[in-house]
Amino acid sequence: MKSLAEKLFAIFSLYFFMGGLHAMLTPRSLDGTGLVDSSPAIQAIGLVVGALPFALLVLQRGAVDRILRLYWPILLPVGFAVLSTIWSVDPGLTVRRAGSLVLTTAFAMWLAERFSVREIVNLLLTAFTVLCVLSYIAIIVFPHFGIHQPGDTASDHAGAWRGVIGFKNDFGRVIALGIVCFFAALVVRERFRAFYWVMILLSFILVLGSSSAQAIVLSAAPALVLIFARLLSGVSPKTRAFALAVAVPSAICIYFFAGLVVSEVLQMLGRDMTLTGRTGIWYAVLRAIGGHFLLGGGFGAGWALVADEILLESTRTSADAVPGHAHNGYLDSLVDVGIVGVLLTLVVIVPILLRSFRYLVLRQRAEIGALGLGYAVFYLLGNVAASFLLLHNSIYWVFVVFLYCKLAVSPQRVAAMQGPTTPIVDPTRVRTAGEPYSSGP
């Protein structure tokens, strides 16, 4: 049985990985316009929330062997990030970033090992609820902290909500992830539906306040996919196959015909179809990466390979500031760990996407299916205009790891590895009279 201390530690750690403490504990730059790149307090907390689960996994009998035998694919991108220290342009930085990624992975694996799917979902919903409540307090009671001010960022951000996160785009994105979690629970659970609706509404208001176009898309797209998958669960296999065959070309047509609408929405939010100059940065990155395309420049350090080209691009376009990343998770990972690292990361998300869709449509383990499918859409779509494909010390990698552990391996195989003293009920078979329900590991 899980103790209250374990649950509170998990909620606190999830809140930390969401970035809820960064703005509060990170010093501001000398000119007062933003936060510095690192914070000793954040580094210390990150060490604790990663090292403690790492130690618990090592000390738990059979846990390391089970992880290496069942979940080894999730370790491949992490191992490659560590290996990139060998050819990194800044080995010291890569060691620190890769070490943080290892500890983040350890926490996510401890979460998957220690808690059931339903418990993890409840922990996530609790952490996101705390994040929303504290963000509203920051915005309403402490607006200088919770709202971008004219003097602390670029002028076009003034007035945008940032809650407790520190920057509006990061804030909008993590709140959008919370909407995905609340909507996934709404789709498959019968109880507390009114609460989920309220939290979705309150969260979406925060997203609108952030003025982040990407966050709006990331709030809606996973929800639409979940609704589509849920509708497919009530039809025959033949009808389901036909619907899937029609859905792909229909989505392409909608994409092209919706161009005008998207353009108008972006214009209302102060954006344009080049994603505020992001496409120019993308082309500059692809031009500059050159011979490092295969392996990159080292995890967390690869931006040095393209920085000069980005500086030239910013000068040519008269940009207000030189970006420190590509605003694209695929390109940023390409710069850091090359095409090899990107492919190792994407290979991990494939079973999450496919198994989640299958579970939700067939109504087998629907809770992890809904959460996994919603997050897979969020993750693949979100990395087009943001950068969190392989990001250390973040909630986004925590999701990838625990979802892979819960989805890529069957509950029966996990139970077999845990030994005969850990009974498990196959949730896909018919329950006999008097037999308890089970939601899997």
Protein backbone atom coordinates (compact mmCIF):
# COMPACT_ATOMS: atom_id res chain seq x y z
CA MET A 1 0.00 0.00 0.00
CA LYS A 2 1.32 3.45 -0.92
CA SER A 3 1.92 5.83 1.95
CA LEU A 4 0.70 9.41 2.08
CA ALA A 5 4.33 10.56 2.01
CA GLU A 6 4.91 8.74 -1.29
CA LYS A 7 1.84 10.33 -2.86
CA LEU A 8 2.76 13.81 -1.64
CA PHE A 9 6.31 13.35 -2.95
CA ALA A 10 4.94 12.27 -6.33
CA ILE A 11 2.57 15.27 -6.53
CA PHE A 12 5.32 17.69 -5.51
CA SER A 13 7.73 16.18 -8.04
CA LEU A 14 5.17 16.32 -10.86
CA TYR A 15 4.48 19.96 -10.00
CA PHE A 16 8.23 20.62 -10.05
CA PHE A 17 8.65 18.96 -13.46
CA MET A 18 5.77 21.10 -14.75
CA GLY A 19 7.94 24.14 -13.99
CA GLY A 20 5.79 25.39 -11.11
CA LEU A 21 8.78 26.40 -8.98
CA HIS A 22 11.15 27.74 -11.62
CA ALA A 23 9.93 31.34 -11.80
CA MET A 24 9.77 31.61 -8.02
CA LEU A 25 13.23 30.17 -7.33
CA THR A 26 15.20 31.40 -10.35
CA PRO A 27 16.93 34.79 -9.96
CA ARG A 28 16.21 37.54 -12.45
CA SER A 29 18.89 38.80 -14.81
CA LEU A 30 20.89 41.91 -13.88
CA ASP A 31 18.90 44.11 -16.25
CA GLY A 32 15.64 42.84 -14.75
CA THR A 33 14.16 41.79 -18.09
CA GLY A 34 14.01 38.05 -17.52
CA LEU A 35 15.25 34.99 -15.62
CA VAL A 36 18.83 33.74 -15.64
CA ASP A 37 19.62 30.42 -17.30
CA SER A 38 20.13 28.38 -14.12
CA SER A 39 19.17 28.35 -10.46
CA PRO A 40 21.04 26.52 -7.66
CA ALA A 41 17.76 25.96 -5.84
CA ILE A 42 16.12 24.37 -8.89
CA GLN A 43 19.20 22.23 -9.49
CA ALA A 44 19.14 21.03 -5.87
CA ILE A 45 15.44 20.14 -5.99
CA GLY A 46 15.91 18.41 -9.33
CA LEU A 47 18.71 16.34 -7.82
CA VAL A 48 16.51 15.26 -4.90
CA VAL A 49 13.38 14.39 -6.92
CA GLY A 50 15.52 12.36 -9.32
CA ALA A 51 18.14 10.80 -7.05
CA LEU A 52 15.67 9.55 -4.43
CA PRO A 53 13.56 7.50 -6.90
CA PHE A 54 16.80 6.33 -8.56
CA ALA A 55 18.03 5.00 -5.20
CA LEU A 56 14.66 3.39 -4.44
CA LEU A 57 14.71 1.57 -7.78
CA VAL A 58 18.25 0.32 -7.17
CA LEU A 59 17.41 -0.89 -3.67
CA GLN A 60 14.10 -2.50 -4.68
CA ARG A 61 14.64 -6.17 -5.24
CA GLY A 62 14.36 -7.12 -8.91
CA ALA A 63 13.46 -3.61 -10.11
CA VAL A 64 16.65 -2.98 -12.10
CA ASP A 65 16.48 -6.41 -13.74
CA ARG A 66 12.81 -5.87 -14.62
CA ILE A 67 13.52 -2.43 -16.10
CA LEU A 68 16.41 -3.70 -18.22
CA ARG A 69 14.41 -6.66 -19.51
CA LEU A 70 11.01 -5.03 -20.05
CA TYR A 71 11.59 -1.35 -20.66
CA TRP A 72 15.03 -1.25 -22.27
CA PRO A 73 13.86 0.60 -25.45
CA ILE A 74 13.01 3.70 -23.40
CA LEU A 75 16.63 3.73 -22.22
CA LEU A 76 18.04 3.95 -25.76
CA PRO A 77 17.55 7.73 -26.33
CA VAL A 78 18.71 8.38 -22.77
CA GLY A 79 21.80 6.22 -23.24
CA PHE A 80 22.56 7.91 -26.56
CA ALA A 81 22.30 11.33 -24.87
CA VAL A 82 24.84 10.20 -22.28
CA LEU A 83 27.06 8.73 -25.01
CA SER A 84 27.05 12.02 -26.89
CA THR A 85 29.40 13.37 -24.21
CA ILE A 86 32.19 11.73 -26.23
CA TRP A 87 31.75 14.01 -29.26
CA SER A 88 30.04 16.97 -27.56
CA VAL A 89 31.24 20.49 -28.37
CA ASP A 90 30.79 21.22 -24.64
CA PRO A 91 31.31 17.96 -22.68
CA GLY A 92 30.72 19.61 -19.29
CA LEU A 93 27.31 20.93 -20.33
CA THR A 94 26.34 17.61 -21.88
CA VAL A 95 27.30 15.74 -18.71
CA ARG A 96 25.04 18.00 -16.64
CA ARG A 97 22.10 17.87 -19.06
CA ALA A 98 22.40 14.12 -19.66
CA GLY A 99 22.66 13.49 -15.91
CA SER A 100 19.46 15.47 -15.40
CA LEU A 101 17.77 13.42 -18.13
CA VAL A 102 18.84 10.19 -16.38
CA LEU A 103 17.37 11.37 -13.08
CA THR A 104 14.13 12.50 -14.76
CA THR A 105 13.86 9.06 -16.36
CA ALA A 106 14.46 7.41 -13.00
CA PHE A 107 11.61 9.38 -11.41
CA ALA A 108 9.23 8.45 -14.24
CA MET A 109 10.17 4.77 -13.96
CA TRP A 110 9.68 4.84 -10.19
CA LEU A 111 6.26 6.40 -10.81
CA ALA A 112 5.35 3.60 -13.23
CA GLU A 113 6.71 0.89 -10.95
CA ARG A 114 5.16 2.15 -7.75
CA PHE A 115 1.69 3.33 -8.82
CA SER A 116 -1.15 1.90 -10.89
CA VAL A 117 -2.52 3.69 -13.96
CA ARG A 118 -5.50 5.06 -12.04
CA GLU A 119 -3.26 6.29 -9.23
CA ILE A 120 -0.90 8.03 -11.67
CA VAL A 121 -3.82 9.74 -13.40
CA ASN A 122 -5.13 10.93 -10.03
CA LEU A 123 -1.69 12.24 -9.06
CA LEU A 124 -1.45 14.11 -12.36
CA LEU A 125 -4.92 15.62 -12.02
CA THR A 126 -4.08 16.75 -8.49
CA ALA A 127 -0.80 18.36 -9.59
CA PHE A 128 -2.47 20.14 -12.51
CA THR A 129 -5.27 21.36 -10.23
CA VAL A 130 -2.68 22.84 -7.86
CA LEU A 131 -0.91 24.45 -10.82
CA CYS A 132 -4.16 26.06 -12.06
CA VAL A 133 -5.20 27.32 -8.62
CA LEU A 134 -1.78 28.84 -7.85
CA SER A 135 -1.64 30.39 -11.32
CA TYR A 136 -4.98 32.13 -10.79
CA ILE A 137 -3.71 33.40 -7.44
CA ALA A 138 -0.55 34.71 -9.12
CA ILE A 139 -2.50 36.41 -11.90
CA ILE A 140 -5.19 37.98 -9.71
CA VAL A 141 -3.37 38.69 -6.44
CA PHE A 142 0.23 39.14 -7.67
CA PRO A 143 -0.16 40.40 -11.25
CA HIS A 144 3.42 41.70 -11.40
CA PHE A 145 4.51 38.07 -10.99
CA GLY A 146 1.70 36.30 -12.87
CA ILE A 147 1.36 38.66 -15.87
CA HIS A 148 4.05 39.81 -18.28
CA GLN A 149 4.96 43.44 -17.62
CA PRO A 150 6.00 45.98 -20.30
CA GLY A 151 9.55 46.27 -18.97
CA ASP A 152 10.52 42.64 -18.39
CA THR A 153 10.09 41.04 -21.84
CA ALA A 154 9.57 41.93 -25.48
CA SER A 155 6.81 44.50 -25.82
CA ASP A 156 4.44 42.13 -27.62
CA HIS A 157 4.27 39.88 -24.52
CA ALA A 158 3.11 42.61 -22.15
CA GLY A 159 -0.25 41.73 -20.60
CA ALA A 160 -0.04 38.00 -21.43
CA TRP A 161 -0.62 35.63 -18.54
CA ARG A 162 2.30 33.53 -17.33
CA GLY A 163 0.91 32.26 -14.01
CA VAL A 164 3.56 30.62 -11.85
CA ILE A 165 5.63 29.43 -14.82
CA GLY A 166 7.47 32.61 -15.82
CA PHE A 167 6.95 32.75 -19.58
CA LYS A 168 3.64 32.81 -21.40
CA ASN A 169 4.34 30.15 -24.05
CA ASP A 170 5.69 27.68 -21.48
CA PHE A 171 2.70 28.45 -19.27
CA GLY A 172 0.14 28.00 -22.02
CA ARG A 173 1.71 24.74 -23.16
CA VAL A 174 1.79 23.07 -19.74
CA ILE A 175 -1.80 24.19 -19.02
CA ALA A 176 -2.80 22.70 -22.40
CA LEU A 177 -1.26 19.43 -21.24
CA GLY A 178 -3.42 19.65 -18.14
CA ILE A 179 -6.49 20.03 -20.37
CA VAL A 180 -5.45 16.84 -22.19
CA CYS A 181 -5.30 14.97 -18.86
CA PHE A 182 -8.64 16.28 -17.62
CA PHE A 183 -10.30 15.51 -20.96
CA ALA A 184 -8.83 11.98 -21.01
CA ALA A 185 -10.34 11.38 -17.57
CA LEU A 186 -13.65 12.86 -18.72
CA VAL A 187 -13.80 10.50 -21.71
CA VAL A 188 -13.40 7.26 -19.76
CA ARG A 189 -14.57 7.94 -16.20
CA GLU A 190 -18.14 8.06 -14.98
CA ARG A 191 -17.55 9.88 -11.68
CA PHE A 192 -16.52 13.50 -11.01
CA ARG A 193 -17.37 14.54 -14.56
CA ALA A 194 -18.60 17.96 -13.41
CA PHE A 195 -15.22 18.59 -11.77
CA TYR A 196 -13.37 17.66 -14.97
CA TRP A 197 -15.54 20.02 -17.00
CA VAL A 198 -14.89 22.86 -14.55
CA MET A 199 -11.13 22.27 -14.65
CA ILE A 200 -11.14 22.10 -18.45
CA LEU A 201 -12.98 25.44 -18.60
CA LEU A 202 -10.73 27.12 -16.02
CA SER A 203 -7.63 25.75 -17.74
CA PHE A 204 -8.75 26.93 -21.16
CA ILE A 205 -9.31 30.43 -19.80
CA LEU A 206 -5.69 30.37 -18.65
CA VAL A 207 -4.61 29.22 -22.11
CA LEU A 208 -6.48 32.11 -23.72
CA GLY A 209 -4.92 34.51 -21.24
CA SER A 210 -1.45 33.28 -22.20
CA SER A 211 -2.05 34.49 -25.80
CA SER A 212 -0.22 31.39 -27.05
CA ALA A 213 -1.51 30.21 -30.41
CA GLN A 214 0.26 26.89 -30.03
CA ALA A 215 -1.36 26.26 -26.64
CA ILE A 216 -4.82 26.72 -28.16
CA VAL A 217 -4.04 24.13 -30.83
CA LEU A 218 -2.57 21.73 -28.27
CA SER A 219 -5.69 22.09 -26.13
CA ALA A 220 -8.07 21.23 -28.95
CA ALA A 221 -6.32 18.74 -31.24
CA PRO A 222 -5.82 15.90 -28.70
CA ALA A 223 -9.42 16.31 -27.51
CA LEU A 224 -10.74 15.96 -31.07
CA VAL A 225 -8.64 12.83 -31.62
CA LEU A 226 -9.91 11.32 -28.36
CA ILE A 227 -13.51 12.01 -29.37
CA PHE A 228 -12.89 10.44 -32.78
CA ALA A 229 -11.31 7.32 -31.22
CA ARG A 230 -14.12 7.01 -28.70
CA LEU A 231 -16.73 7.19 -31.46
CA LEU A 232 -14.92 4.42 -33.34
CA SER A 233 -15.22 2.14 -30.32
CA GLY A 234 -18.97 1.85 -30.85
CA VAL A 235 -18.93 0.71 -34.48
CA SER A 236 -18.16 -2.53 -36.30
CA PRO A 237 -14.58 -3.33 -37.41
CA LYS A 238 -15.59 -2.81 -41.05
CA THR A 239 -17.04 0.62 -40.36
CA ARG A 240 -14.03 1.45 -38.23
CA ALA A 241 -11.63 0.61 -41.05
CA PHE A 242 -13.65 2.72 -43.48
CA ALA A 243 -13.68 5.67 -41.06
CA LEU A 244 -9.90 5.50 -40.65
CA ALA A 245 -9.41 5.34 -44.41
CA VAL A 246 -11.57 8.44 -44.87
CA ALA A 247 -10.13 10.33 -41.92
CA VAL A 248 -6.59 10.73 -43.29
CA PRO A 249 -7.43 12.39 -46.65
CA SER A 250 -10.19 14.38 -44.96
CA ALA A 251 -7.70 15.74 -42.43
CA ILE A 252 -5.38 16.78 -45.28
CA CYS A 253 -8.21 18.60 -47.06
CA ILE A 254 -9.30 20.32 -43.86
CA TYR A 255 -5.71 21.42 -43.30
CA PHE A 256 -5.48 23.16 -46.66
CA PHE A 257 -8.95 24.72 -46.61
CA ALA A 258 -8.50 25.92 -43.04
CA GLY A 259 -5.49 28.01 -44.00
CA LEU A 260 -7.49 31.23 -44.15
CA VAL A 261 -9.09 30.62 -40.76
CA VAL A 262 -5.75 29.81 -39.16
CA SER A 263 -4.23 32.93 -40.66
CA GLU A 264 -6.99 35.10 -39.18
CA VAL A 265 -6.67 33.49 -35.73
CA LEU A 266 -2.90 33.93 -35.71
CA GLN A 267 -3.27 37.54 -36.76
CA MET A 268 -5.68 38.17 -33.88
CA LEU A 269 -3.06 36.74 -31.52
CA GLY A 270 -0.29 38.86 -32.99
CA ARG A 271 1.22 36.00 -35.00
CA ASP A 272 1.64 35.21 -38.69
CA MET A 273 1.84 32.10 -40.86
CA THR A 274 5.64 31.97 -40.43
CA LEU A 275 5.04 31.37 -36.70
CA THR A 276 6.62 34.70 -35.71
CA GLY A 277 9.76 34.12 -37.76
CA ARG A 278 10.28 30.53 -36.66
CA THR A 279 10.42 29.15 -40.21
CA GLY A 280 13.42 31.37 -40.99
CA ILE A 281 15.19 29.93 -37.95
CA TRP A 282 14.38 26.39 -39.07
CA TYR A 283 15.93 26.91 -42.50
CA ALA A 284 19.01 28.48 -40.90
CA VAL A 285 19.43 25.48 -38.58
CA LEU A 286 19.21 23.01 -41.47
CA ARG A 287 21.81 25.00 -43.42
CA ALA A 288 24.19 25.22 -40.49
CA ILE A 289 24.16 21.69 -39.11
CA GLY A 290 26.22 20.38 -42.03
CA GLY A 291 28.38 17.36 -41.24
CA HIS A 292 26.92 16.94 -37.76
CA PHE A 293 23.60 15.72 -39.15
CA LEU A 294 24.16 12.12 -38.02
CA LEU A 295 25.23 12.51 -34.37
CA GLY A 296 24.71 16.18 -33.50
CA GLY A 297 26.90 18.31 -31.28
CA GLY A 298 26.15 16.70 -27.93
CA PHE A 299 23.01 16.57 -25.79
CA GLY A 300 22.18 20.08 -24.60
CA ALA A 301 25.25 21.58 -26.29
CA GLY A 302 24.54 21.30 -30.02
CA TRP A 303 23.22 24.85 -30.43
CA ALA A 304 26.82 26.07 -30.54
CA LEU A 305 27.11 24.40 -33.95
CA VAL A 306 24.47 26.65 -35.49
CA ALA A 307 24.64 29.77 -33.33
CA ASP A 308 26.62 31.83 -35.85
CA GLU A 309 24.19 31.04 -38.66
CA ILE A 310 21.24 31.92 -36.41
CA LEU A 311 22.92 35.22 -35.54
CA LEU A 312 23.20 36.03 -39.24
CA GLU A 313 19.54 35.09 -39.78
CA SER A 314 18.45 37.32 -36.89
CA THR A 315 20.51 40.19 -38.27
CA ARG A 316 19.05 39.73 -41.75
CA THR A 317 15.47 39.76 -40.45
CA SER A 318 16.15 42.55 -37.91
CA ALA A 319 14.92 40.34 -35.07
CA ASP A 320 14.70 41.88 -31.60
CA ALA A 321 16.64 39.01 -30.00
CA VAL A 322 18.83 36.10 -31.07
CA PRO A 323 17.00 32.84 -30.21
CA GLY A 324 18.72 30.20 -28.10
CA HIS A 325 16.88 27.29 -29.69
CA ALA A 326 15.08 26.42 -32.92
CA HIS A 327 11.50 26.60 -31.56
CA ASN A 328 11.13 23.08 -32.98
CA GLY A 329 11.73 19.94 -30.94
CA TYR A 330 12.76 17.83 -33.91
CA LEU A 331 15.38 20.34 -35.07
CA ASP A 332 16.69 21.03 -31.56
CA SER A 333 17.12 17.31 -30.97
CA LEU A 334 18.73 16.99 -34.41
CA VAL A 335 21.25 19.64 -33.41
CA ASP A 336 21.94 17.90 -30.08
CA VAL A 337 21.87 14.17 -30.84
CA GLY A 338 21.59 14.02 -34.64
CA ILE A 339 19.21 11.98 -36.72
CA VAL A 340 20.17 8.86 -34.75
CA GLY A 341 18.97 10.35 -31.48
CA VAL A 342 15.81 11.75 -33.05
CA LEU A 343 14.89 8.35 -34.51
CA LEU A 344 15.59 6.58 -31.20
CA THR A 345 13.24 9.02 -29.50
CA LEU A 346 10.47 8.73 -32.10
CA VAL A 347 10.66 4.93 -32.07
CA VAL A 348 9.65 5.08 -28.41
CA ILE A 349 6.52 7.13 -29.10
CA VAL A 350 5.22 4.75 -31.81
CA PRO A 351 4.07 1.94 -29.45
CA ILE A 352 2.55 4.57 -27.15
CA LEU A 353 0.47 5.98 -30.02
CA LEU A 354 -0.58 2.64 -31.54
CA ARG A 355 -1.36 0.77 -28.34
CA SER A 356 -3.20 3.73 -26.84
CA PHE A 357 -5.42 4.00 -29.90
CA ARG A 358 -6.07 0.25 -29.87
CA TYR A 359 -6.89 0.14 -26.16
CA LEU A 360 -9.25 3.10 -26.36
CA VAL A 361 -11.07 1.91 -29.49
CA LEU A 362 -11.44 -1.66 -28.22
CA ARG A 363 -12.30 -0.43 -24.70
CA GLN A 364 -9.44 -2.40 -23.17
CA ARG A 365 -7.53 -0.48 -20.50
CA ALA A 366 -9.34 2.62 -21.72
CA GLU A 367 -7.90 4.93 -19.06
CA ILE A 368 -4.26 4.51 -20.07
CA GLY A 369 -5.41 4.38 -23.69
CA ALA A 370 -7.07 7.79 -23.48
CA LEU A 371 -4.16 9.40 -21.65
CA GLY A 372 -1.57 7.82 -23.95
CA LEU A 373 -3.37 8.76 -27.18
CA GLY A 374 -4.03 12.32 -26.05
CA TYR A 375 -0.43 12.80 -25.02
CA ALA A 376 1.02 11.21 -28.18
CA VAL A 377 -0.93 13.73 -30.30
CA PHE A 378 0.13 16.56 -27.98
CA TYR A 379 3.78 15.46 -28.11
CA LEU A 380 4.09 14.95 -31.86
CA LEU A 381 2.16 18.11 -32.75
CA GLY A 382 3.61 20.29 -30.02
CA ASN A 383 7.21 19.75 -31.07
CA VAL A 384 6.52 21.43 -34.42
CA ALA A 385 6.60 24.91 -32.85
CA ALA A 386 8.13 24.18 -29.43
CA SER A 387 11.07 22.16 -28.18
CA PHE A 388 10.49 19.29 -25.74
CA LEU A 389 11.13 16.14 -27.79
CA LEU A 390 14.01 15.00 -25.57
CA LEU A 391 14.07 17.56 -22.78
CA HIS A 392 15.75 17.03 -19.43
CA ASN A 393 14.07 17.99 -16.17
CA SER A 394 10.60 18.33 -17.72
CA ILE A 395 7.12 16.87 -17.34
CA TYR A 396 7.08 16.08 -21.06
CA TRP A 397 9.76 13.40 -20.80
CA VAL A 398 8.19 12.07 -17.59
CA PHE A 399 5.01 11.42 -19.60
CA VAL A 400 6.88 9.60 -22.36
CA VAL A 401 8.67 7.28 -19.92
CA PHE A 402 5.80 6.26 -17.67
CA LEU A 403 3.40 5.88 -20.60
CA TYR A 404 5.88 3.63 -22.38
CA CYS A 405 6.31 1.51 -19.24
CA LYS A 406 2.56 1.17 -18.80
CA LEU A 407 1.70 0.60 -22.47
CA ALA A 408 4.55 -1.16 -24.24
CA VAL A 409 4.54 -4.23 -22.00
CA SER A 410 1.48 -6.29 -21.13
CA PRO A 411 0.31 -6.36 -17.49
CA GLN A 412 0.66 -10.15 -17.49
CA ARG A 413 4.35 -9.98 -18.38
CA VAL A 414 5.00 -7.38 -15.72
CA ALA A 415 3.21 -9.57 -13.15
CA ALA A 416 5.28 -12.56 -14.21
CA MET A 417 8.47 -10.58 -13.66
CA GLN A 418 7.26 -9.40 -10.25
CA GLY A 419 6.69 -12.95 -9.10
CA PRO A 420 3.72 -15.09 -7.98
CA THR A 421 3.03 -12.94 -4.90
CA THR A 422 1.71 -10.08 -7.03
CA PRO A 423 -1.63 -11.20 -8.49
CA ILE A 424 -3.09 -9.37 -11.43
CA VAL A 425 -6.39 -9.65 -13.22
CA ASP A 426 -6.47 -9.46 -17.00
CA PRO A 427 -8.71 -6.42 -17.61
CA THR A 428 -9.59 -7.58 -21.12
CA ARG A 429 -11.30 -10.81 -20.18
CA VAL A 430 -14.82 -11.32 -18.80
CA ARG A 431 -15.05 -10.87 -15.03
CA THR A 432 -16.51 -13.81 -13.14
CA ALA A 433 -18.97 -13.42 -10.31
CA GLY A 434 -17.34 -12.16 -7.12
CA GLU A 435 -14.04 -11.33 -8.83
CA PRO A 436 -12.62 -7.84 -8.15
CA TYR A 437 -11.99 -5.34 -10.91
CA SER A 438 -8.45 -4.39 -11.86
CA SER A 439 -7.09 -1.52 -13.98
CA GLY A 440 -3.72 -3.14 -14.64
CA PRO A 441 -0.34 -2.34 -13.09
